[in-house]
C-alpha atoms as a PDB file:
ATOM      1  CA  MET A   1       0.000   0.000   0.000  1.00  0.00           C
ATOM      2  CA  PHE A   2       2.866   2.383   0.813  1.00  0.00           C
ATOM      3  CA  ASP A   3       4.929   1.502  -2.247  1.00  0.00           C
ATOM      4  CA  LEU A   4       4.227   4.880  -3.819  1.00  0.00           C
ATOM      5  CA  ASP A   5       5.409   5.834  -7.281  1.00  0.00           C
ATOM      6  CA  PRO A   6       5.415   9.645  -7.717  1.00  0.00           C
ATOM      7  CA  SER A   7       6.425   9.293 -11.358  1.00  0.00           C
ATOM      8  CA  VAL A   8       2.834   8.348 -12.233  1.00  0.00           C
ATOM      9  CA  ILE A   9       1.810  11.878 -11.235  1.00  0.00           C
ATOM     10  CA  VAL A  10       4.434  13.344 -13.526  1.00  0.00           C
ATOM     11  CA  ARG A  11       3.227  11.235 -16.439  1.00  0.00           C
ATOM     12  CA  ALA A  12      -0.357  12.271 -15.834  1.00  0.00           C
ATOM     13  CA  MET A  13       0.461  15.956 -15.262  1.00  0.00           C
ATOM     14  CA  PRO A  14      -0.620  17.274 -18.728  1.00  0.00           C
ATOM     15  CA  ALA A  15      -4.051  15.658 -18.383  1.00  0.00           C
ATOM     16  CA  LEU A  16      -4.314  16.723 -14.735  1.00  0.00           C
ATOM     17  CA  TRP A  17      -3.468  20.307 -15.646  1.00  0.00           C
ATOM     18  CA  ASN A  18      -6.118  20.388 -18.372  1.00  0.00           C
ATOM     19  CA  GLY A  19      -8.614  18.896 -15.952  1.00  0.00           C
ATOM     20  CA  LEU A  20      -7.762  21.474 -13.296  1.00  0.00           C
ATOM     21  CA  LYS A  21      -8.217  24.287 -15.825  1.00  0.00           C
ATOM     22  CA  PHE A  22     -11.681  22.947 -16.669  1.00  0.00           C
ATOM     23  CA  THR A  23     -12.543  22.714 -12.962  1.00  0.00           C
ATOM     24  CA  LEU A  24     -11.407  26.285 -12.311  1.00  0.00           C
ATOM     25  CA  LEU A  25     -13.267  27.546 -15.394  1.00  0.00           C
ATOM     26  CA  LEU A  26     -16.458  25.811 -14.302  1.00  0.00           C
ATOM     27  CA  THR A  27     -16.074  27.300 -10.830  1.00  0.00           C
ATOM     28  CA  LEU A  28     -15.495  30.808 -12.187  1.00  0.00           C
ATOM     29  CA  VAL A  29     -18.412  30.704 -14.638  1.00  0.00           C
ATOM     30  CA  ALA A  30     -20.837  29.167 -12.117  1.00  0.00           C
ATOM     31  CA  MET A  31     -19.785  31.731  -9.502  1.00  0.00           C
ATOM     32  CA  SER A  32     -20.183  34.707 -11.865  1.00  0.00           C
ATOM     33  CA  VAL A  33     -23.506  33.626 -13.345  1.00  0.00           C
ATOM     34  CA  GLY A  34     -24.697  32.399  -9.949  1.00  0.00           C
ATOM     35  CA  ILE A  35     -24.058  35.757  -8.276  1.00  0.00           C
ATOM     36  CA  VAL A  36     -25.757  37.720 -11.064  1.00  0.00           C
ATOM     37  CA  ALA A  37     -28.751  35.359 -11.240  1.00  0.00           C
ATOM     38  CA  GLY A  38     -28.782  35.089  -7.455  1.00  0.00           C
ATOM     39  CA  THR A  39     -29.000  38.875  -7.163  1.00  0.00           C
ATOM     40  CA  LEU A  40     -32.005  38.903  -9.488  1.00  0.00           C
ATOM     41  CA  LEU A  41     -33.646  36.113  -7.499  1.00  0.00           C
ATOM     42  CA  ALA A  42     -32.969  37.952  -4.241  1.00  0.00           C
ATOM     43  CA  LEU A  43     -34.553  41.125  -5.616  1.00  0.00           C
ATOM     44  CA  MET A  44     -37.540  39.093  -6.777  1.00  0.00           C
ATOM     45  CA  ARG A  45     -37.859  37.583  -3.290  1.00  0.00           C
ATOM     46  CA  LEU A  46     -37.918  41.111  -1.835  1.00  0.00           C
ATOM     47  CA  SER A  47     -40.281  42.463  -4.504  1.00  0.00           C
ATOM     48  CA  HIS A  48     -43.828  43.600  -3.750  1.00  0.00           C
ATOM     49  CA  ASN A  49     -45.012  41.613  -6.775  1.00  0.00           C
ATOM     50  CA  ARG A  50     -46.575  38.399  -5.513  1.00  0.00           C
ATOM     51  CA  ALA A  51     -45.953  36.452  -8.731  1.00  0.00           C
ATOM     52  CA  MET A  52     -42.253  37.329  -8.739  1.00  0.00           C
ATOM     53  CA  ARG A  53     -41.911  36.472  -5.061  1.00  0.00           C
ATOM     54  CA  GLY A  54     -43.676  33.162  -5.601  1.00  0.00           C
ATOM     55  CA  PHE A  55     -41.528  32.188  -8.574  1.00  0.00           C
ATOM     56  CA  ALA A  56     -38.271  33.064  -6.805  1.00  0.00           C
ATOM     57  CA  LEU A  57     -39.334  31.257  -3.641  1.00  0.00           C
ATOM     58  CA  ALA A  58     -40.337  28.135  -5.584  1.00  0.00           C
ATOM     59  CA  TYR A  59     -37.088  28.126  -7.572  1.00  0.00           C
ATOM     60  CA  VAL A  60     -34.870  28.552  -4.526  1.00  0.00           C
ATOM     61  CA  THR A  61     -36.796  25.988  -2.494  1.00  0.00           C
ATOM     62  CA  VAL A  62     -36.648  23.344  -5.213  1.00  0.00           C
ATOM     63  CA  MET A  63     -32.961  23.854  -5.983  1.00  0.00           C
ATOM     64  CA  ARG A  64     -31.936  23.862  -2.329  1.00  0.00           C
ATOM     65  CA  SER A  65     -33.969  20.722  -1.628  1.00  0.00           C
ATOM     66  CA  ILE A  66     -32.526  18.498  -4.382  1.00  0.00           C
ATOM     67  CA  PRO A  67     -28.993  17.071  -4.450  1.00  0.00           C
ATOM     68  CA  LEU A  68     -26.833  18.604  -7.159  1.00  0.00           C
ATOM     69  CA  VAL A  69     -26.070  15.218  -8.710  1.00  0.00           C
ATOM     70  CA  LEU A  70     -29.800  14.691  -9.338  1.00  0.00           C
ATOM     71  CA  VAL A  71     -30.086  18.100 -10.988  1.00  0.00           C
ATOM     72  CA  ILE A  72     -27.204  17.087 -13.264  1.00  0.00           C
ATOM     73  CA  PHE A  73     -28.813  13.760 -14.151  1.00  0.00           C
ATOM     74  CA  TRP A  74     -32.268  15.243 -14.713  1.00  0.00           C
ATOM     75  CA  PHE A  75     -30.962  17.972 -16.994  1.00  0.00           C
ATOM     76  CA  TYR A  76     -28.749  15.576 -18.946  1.00  0.00           C
ATOM     77  CA  PHE A  77     -31.418  12.922 -19.523  1.00  0.00           C
ATOM     78  CA  LEU A  78     -34.725  14.846 -19.437  1.00  0.00           C
ATOM     79  CA  MET A  79     -33.892  18.152 -21.122  1.00  0.00           C
ATOM     80  CA  PRO A  80     -33.203  16.509 -24.535  1.00  0.00           C
ATOM     81  CA  LEU A  81     -36.669  14.914 -24.359  1.00  0.00           C
ATOM     82  CA  LEU A  82     -38.319  18.203 -23.377  1.00  0.00           C
ATOM     83  CA  LEU A  83     -36.566  20.004 -26.231  1.00  0.00           C
ATOM     84  CA  GLN A  84     -37.693  17.267 -28.613  1.00  0.00           C
ATOM     85  CA  MET A  85     -41.288  17.831 -27.528  1.00  0.00           C
ATOM     86  CA  ALA A  86     -40.931  21.612 -27.736  1.00  0.00           C
ATOM     87  CA  PHE A  87     -39.388  21.702 -31.218  1.00  0.00           C
ATOM     88  CA  GLY A  88     -41.093  18.586 -32.605  1.00  0.00           C
ATOM     89  CA  THR A  89     -37.874  16.916 -33.717  1.00  0.00           C
ATOM     90  CA  GLU A  90     -37.668  13.223 -34.540  1.00  0.00           C
ATOM     91  CA  ARG A  91     -34.909  12.567 -32.035  1.00  0.00           C
ATOM     92  CA  PRO A  92     -34.007  14.061 -28.648  1.00  0.00           C
ATOM     93  CA  VAL A  93     -31.927  17.231 -28.899  1.00  0.00           C
ATOM     94  CA  GLN A  94     -28.448  16.336 -27.727  1.00  0.00           C
ATOM     95  CA  ILE A  95     -27.052  18.771 -25.193  1.00  0.00           C
ATOM     96  CA  GLY A  96     -23.772  17.179 -24.219  1.00  0.00           C
ATOM     97  CA  PRO A  97     -22.053  16.723 -20.870  1.00  0.00           C
ATOM     98  CA  VAL A  98     -20.054  19.977 -20.921  1.00  0.00           C
ATOM     99  CA  VAL A  99     -23.089  22.187 -21.569  1.00  0.00           C
ATOM    100  CA  THR A 100     -24.983  20.198 -18.936  1.00  0.00           C
ATOM    101  CA  ALA A 101     -22.244  20.820 -16.391  1.00  0.00           C
ATOM    102  CA  PHE A 102     -22.133  24.589 -16.948  1.00  0.00           C
ATOM    103  CA  VAL A 103     -25.904  25.083 -17.082  1.00  0.00           C
ATOM    104  CA  THR A 104     -26.752  22.937 -14.063  1.00  0.00           C
ATOM    105  CA  PHE A 105     -24.031  24.437 -11.878  1.00  0.00           C
ATOM    106  CA  CYS A 106     -25.127  27.960 -12.764  1.00  0.00           C
ATOM    107  CA  MET A 107     -28.765  27.123 -12.059  1.00  0.00           C
ATOM    108  CA  PHE A 108     -27.960  25.358  -8.813  1.00  0.00           C
ATOM    109  CA  GLU A 109     -25.562  27.947  -7.413  1.00  0.00           C
ATOM    110  CA  ALA A 110     -27.919  30.822  -8.205  1.00  0.00           C
ATOM    111  CA  ALA A 111     -30.304  29.519  -5.549  1.00  0.00           C
ATOM    112  CA  TYR A 112     -27.608  29.437  -2.864  1.00  0.00           C
ATOM    113  CA  TYR A 113     -26.077  32.779  -3.773  1.00  0.00           C
ATOM    114  CA  SER A 114     -29.541  34.363  -3.790  1.00  0.00           C
ATOM    115  CA  GLU A 115     -30.133  33.533  -0.145  1.00  0.00           C
ATOM    116  CA  ILE A 116     -26.770  35.004   0.827  1.00  0.00           C
ATOM    117  CA  ILE A 117     -27.474  38.160  -1.168  1.00  0.00           C
ATOM    118  CA  ARG A 118     -31.016  38.476   0.185  1.00  0.00           C
ATOM    119  CA  GLY A 119     -29.670  38.287   3.725  1.00  0.00           C
ATOM    120  CA  GLY A 120     -27.051  40.912   2.900  1.00  0.00           C
ATOM    121  CA  ILE A 121     -29.660  43.286   1.494  1.00  0.00           C
ATOM    122  CA  GLN A 122     -31.899  42.846   4.516  1.00  0.00           C
ATOM    123  CA  SER A 123     -28.967  43.558   6.837  1.00  0.00           C
ATOM    124  CA  ILE A 124     -28.731  47.151   5.545  1.00  0.00           C
ATOM    125  CA  SER A 125     -30.581  49.518   7.849  1.00  0.00           C
ATOM    126  CA  ALA A 126     -33.730  51.269   6.725  1.00  0.00           C
ATOM    127  CA  GLY A 127     -31.967  54.573   7.330  1.00  0.00           C
ATOM    128  CA  GLN A 128     -29.868  53.995   4.224  1.00  0.00           C
ATOM    129  CA  LYS A 129     -32.987  53.693   2.104  1.00  0.00           C
ATOM    130  CA  GLN A 130     -34.457  56.808   3.687  1.00  0.00           C
ATOM    131  CA  ALA A 131     -31.252  58.739   3.077  1.00  0.00           C
ATOM    132  CA  ALA A 132     -31.261  57.651  -0.573  1.00  0.00           C
ATOM    133  CA  ALA A 133     -34.882  58.754  -0.924  1.00  0.00           C
ATOM    134  CA  ALA A 134     -34.036  62.090   0.665  1.00  0.00           C
ATOM    135  CA  LEU A 135     -31.384  62.590  -2.022  1.00  0.00           C
ATOM    136  CA  GLY A 136     -34.044  62.075  -4.681  1.00  0.00           C
ATOM    137  CA  LEU A 137     -33.052  58.567  -5.720  1.00  0.00           C
ATOM    138  CA  ARG A 138     -35.730  56.213  -6.991  1.00  0.00           C
ATOM    139  CA  PRO A 139     -36.075  52.807  -5.270  1.00  0.00           C
ATOM    140  CA  ALA A 140     -34.236  51.064  -8.109  1.00  0.00           C
ATOM    141  CA  GLN A 141     -31.439  53.649  -8.015  1.00  0.00           C
ATOM    142  CA  ALA A 142     -31.193  53.403  -4.240  1.00  0.00           C
ATOM    143  CA  MET A 143     -30.870  49.630  -4.511  1.00  0.00           C
ATOM    144  CA  LEU A 144     -28.234  49.828  -7.233  1.00  0.00           C
ATOM    145  CA  TYR A 145     -26.075  52.664  -5.909  1.00  0.00           C
ATOM    146  CA  VAL A 146     -26.601  52.541  -2.131  1.00  0.00           C
ATOM    147  CA  ILE A 147     -27.945  49.216  -0.839  1.00  0.00           C
ATOM    148  CA  LEU A 148     -26.271  46.625  -3.075  1.00  0.00           C
ATOM    149  CA  PRO A 149     -22.694  47.987  -2.778  1.00  0.00           C
ATOM    150  CA  GLN A 150     -22.904  47.921   1.021  1.00  0.00           C
ATOM    151  CA  ALA A 151     -24.593  44.519   1.036  1.00  0.00           C
ATOM    152  CA  LEU A 152     -22.003  42.994  -1.307  1.00  0.00           C
ATOM    153  CA  ARG A 153     -19.179  44.262   0.874  1.00  0.00           C
ATOM    154  CA  ARG A 154     -20.758  42.731   3.973  1.00  0.00           C
ATOM    155  CA  MET A 155     -21.561  39.371   2.410  1.00  0.00           C
ATOM    156  CA  ALA A 156     -18.308  38.986   0.434  1.00  0.00           C
ATOM    157  CA  PRO A 157     -16.904  36.448   2.943  1.00  0.00           C
ATOM    158  CA  LEU A 158     -20.067  34.339   2.680  1.00  0.00           C
ATOM    159  CA  LEU A 159     -19.995  34.522  -1.097  1.00  0.00           C
ATOM    160  CA  LEU A 160     -16.396  33.307  -1.079  1.00  0.00           C
ATOM    161  CA  THR A 161     -17.290  30.516   1.349  1.00  0.00           C
ATOM    162  CA  GLN A 162     -20.031  29.362  -1.021  1.00  0.00           C
ATOM    163  CA  THR A 163     -17.522  29.520  -3.873  1.00  0.00           C
ATOM    164  CA  ILE A 164     -15.227  27.171  -1.952  1.00  0.00           C
ATOM    165  CA  ILE A 165     -18.125  24.730  -1.641  1.00  0.00           C
ATOM    166  CA  LEU A 166     -18.811  25.184  -5.356  1.00  0.00           C
ATOM    167  CA  PHE A 167     -15.178  24.409  -6.182  1.00  0.00           C
ATOM    168  CA  GLN A 168     -15.402  21.179  -4.208  1.00  0.00           C
ATOM    169  CA  ASP A 169     -18.725  20.223  -5.802  1.00  0.00           C
ATOM    170  CA  THR A 170     -17.339  20.523  -9.324  1.00  0.00           C
ATOM    171  CA  SER A 171     -15.909  17.024  -8.881  1.00  0.00           C
ATOM    172  CA  LEU A 172     -19.481  15.767  -9.389  1.00  0.00           C
ATOM    173  CA  VAL A 173     -19.144  16.305 -13.148  1.00  0.00           C
ATOM    174  CA  TYR A 174     -17.185  13.067 -13.016  1.00  0.00           C
ATOM    175  CA  VAL A 175     -20.567  11.292 -13.317  1.00  0.00           C
ATOM    176  CA  LEU A 176     -20.858  12.767 -16.830  1.00  0.00           C
ATOM    177  CA  SER A 177     -17.458  11.307 -17.788  1.00  0.00           C
ATOM    178  CA  ILE A 178     -16.023  14.803 -18.145  1.00  0.00           C
ATOM    179  CA  ALA A 179     -12.255  15.013 -17.847  1.00  0.00           C
ATOM    180  CA  ASP A 180     -12.229  17.532 -15.016  1.00  0.00           C
ATOM    181  CA  PHE A 181      -9.463  17.407 -12.406  1.00  0.00           C
ATOM    182  CA  THR A 182     -10.943  14.420 -10.569  1.00  0.00           C
ATOM    183  CA  GLY A 183     -12.039  12.718 -13.787  1.00  0.00           C
ATOM    184  CA  ALA A 184      -8.583  13.002 -15.347  1.00  0.00           C
ATOM    185  CA  ALA A 185      -6.967  11.586 -12.219  1.00  0.00           C
ATOM    186  CA  SER A 186      -9.451   8.716 -12.110  1.00  0.00           C
ATOM    187  CA  LYS A 187      -8.779   7.868 -15.754  1.00  0.00           C
ATOM    188  CA  PHE A 188      -5.039   7.568 -15.225  1.00  0.00           C
ATOM    189  CA  ALA A 189      -5.472   5.856 -11.848  1.00  0.00           C
ATOM    190  CA  GLN A 190      -7.556   3.083 -13.359  1.00  0.00           C
ATOM    191  CA  ARG A 191      -5.369   2.779 -16.444  1.00  0.00           C
ATOM    192  CA  ASP A 192      -2.094   2.477 -14.517  1.00  0.00           C
ATOM    193  CA  GLY A 193      -3.518   0.862 -11.389  1.00  0.00           C
ATOM    194  CA  ARG A 194      -2.056   3.655  -9.217  1.00  0.00           C
ATOM    195  CA  LEU A 195      -5.127   4.924  -7.401  1.00  0.00           C
ATOM    196  CA  VAL A 196      -3.371   5.915  -4.178  1.00  0.00           C
ATOM    197  CA  GLU A 197      -0.813   8.268  -5.730  1.00  0.00           C
ATOM    198  CA  LEU A 198      -3.221  10.100  -8.024  1.00  0.00           C
ATOM    199  CA  TYR A 199      -6.063  10.422  -5.553  1.00  0.00           C
ATOM    200  CA  LEU A 200      -3.650  11.637  -2.874  1.00  0.00           C
ATOM    201  CA  PHE A 201      -2.361  14.262  -5.292  1.00  0.00           C
ATOM    202  CA  VAL A 202      -5.896  15.397  -6.159  1.00  0.00           C
ATOM    203  CA  ALA A 203      -6.777  15.633  -2.464  1.00  0.00           C
ATOM    204  CA  PHE A 204      -3.606  17.633  -1.800  1.00  0.00           C
ATOM    205  CA  VAL A 205      -4.386  20.143  -4.563  1.00  0.00           C
ATOM    206  CA  TYR A 206      -7.958  20.590  -3.322  1.00  0.00           C
ATOM    207  CA  LEU A 207      -6.627  21.018   0.217  1.00  0.00           C
ATOM    208  CA  VAL A 208      -4.135  23.705  -0.774  1.00  0.00           C
ATOM    209  CA  ILE A 209      -6.601  25.719  -2.864  1.00  0.00           C
ATOM    210  CA  CYS A 210      -9.411  25.517  -0.293  1.00  0.00           C
ATOM    211  CA  TYR A 211      -6.999  26.371   2.525  1.00  0.00           C
ATOM    212  CA  LEU A 212      -5.788  29.493   0.738  1.00  0.00           C
ATOM    213  CA  LEU A 213      -9.346  30.569  -0.046  1.00  0.00           C
ATOM    214  CA  SER A 214     -10.389  29.937   3.566  1.00  0.00           C
ATOM    215  CA  ASN A 215      -7.586  32.184   4.808  1.00  0.00           C
ATOM    216  CA  LEU A 216      -8.728  34.844   2.358  1.00  0.00           C
ATOM    217  CA  THR A 217     -12.258  34.486   3.746  1.00  0.00           C
ATOM    218  CA  LYS A 218     -11.002  35.040   7.308  1.00  0.00           C
ATOM    219  CA  ARG A 219      -9.083  38.135   6.212  1.00  0.00           C
ATOM    220  CA  MET A 220     -12.164  39.506   4.478  1.00  0.00           C
ATOM    221  CA  LYS A 221     -14.261  38.909   7.600  1.00  0.00           C
ATOM    222  CA  ARG A 222     -11.775  40.888   9.694  1.00  0.00           C
ATOM    223  CA  ASN A 223     -11.846  43.751   7.188  1.00  0.00           C
ATOM    224  CA  VAL A 224     -15.651  43.754   7.150  1.00  0.00           C
ATOM    225  CA  GLY A 225     -15.694  43.759  10.949  1.00  0.00           C
ATOM    226  CA  ARG A 226     -13.372  46.797  11.122  1.00  0.00           C
ATOM    227  CA  THR A 227     -15.418  48.771   8.602  1.00  0.00           C
ATOM    228  CA  ALA A 228     -18.824  47.818  10.040  1.00  0.00           C
END
């Protein structure tokens, strides 16, 4: 068991590097789209429009109640059939594993980011809204120029914490046979029969990246606490 062969990591490094780049890209895209979509969902949750509130609440509740791996499977297998019905094609519309990964992660993370953003918006005192109104700003302008900047600064550590979780969850695309970081390592591990070395290396890389991001989160919390 302890007869380790580090050279297998060196041989697999090109594939591992490509897999890590895909994992980081997926994380970055899902984080960016998730925060933007999550902000819209949060604003809908806080809207006076009952239909918008109901839709946002239903979306967030469903997404937060279903495991991510099921969302991936459902989108990958059911969406082609739904598109076939919608467009009347003879065969299911093929989406592909990569598109499935990006779309499902963006959809899923939007629900989690929205709750963080909604909490950040609600943490801003009513006096800020009153001050914005006194300056002649409309509600939408007050939200854009006064409330959201303060809320984003306060919830930045929580957004980064959720991004760390997102980075760890990206390994689930392995079920779609995508050559992400974990998938590339698994491919070489099974081919060469060196599971211990490659999986230890993958765990080490995840540990280092998550540790650095966690330290950044702590630093951001201290900065937020000093400016609060």
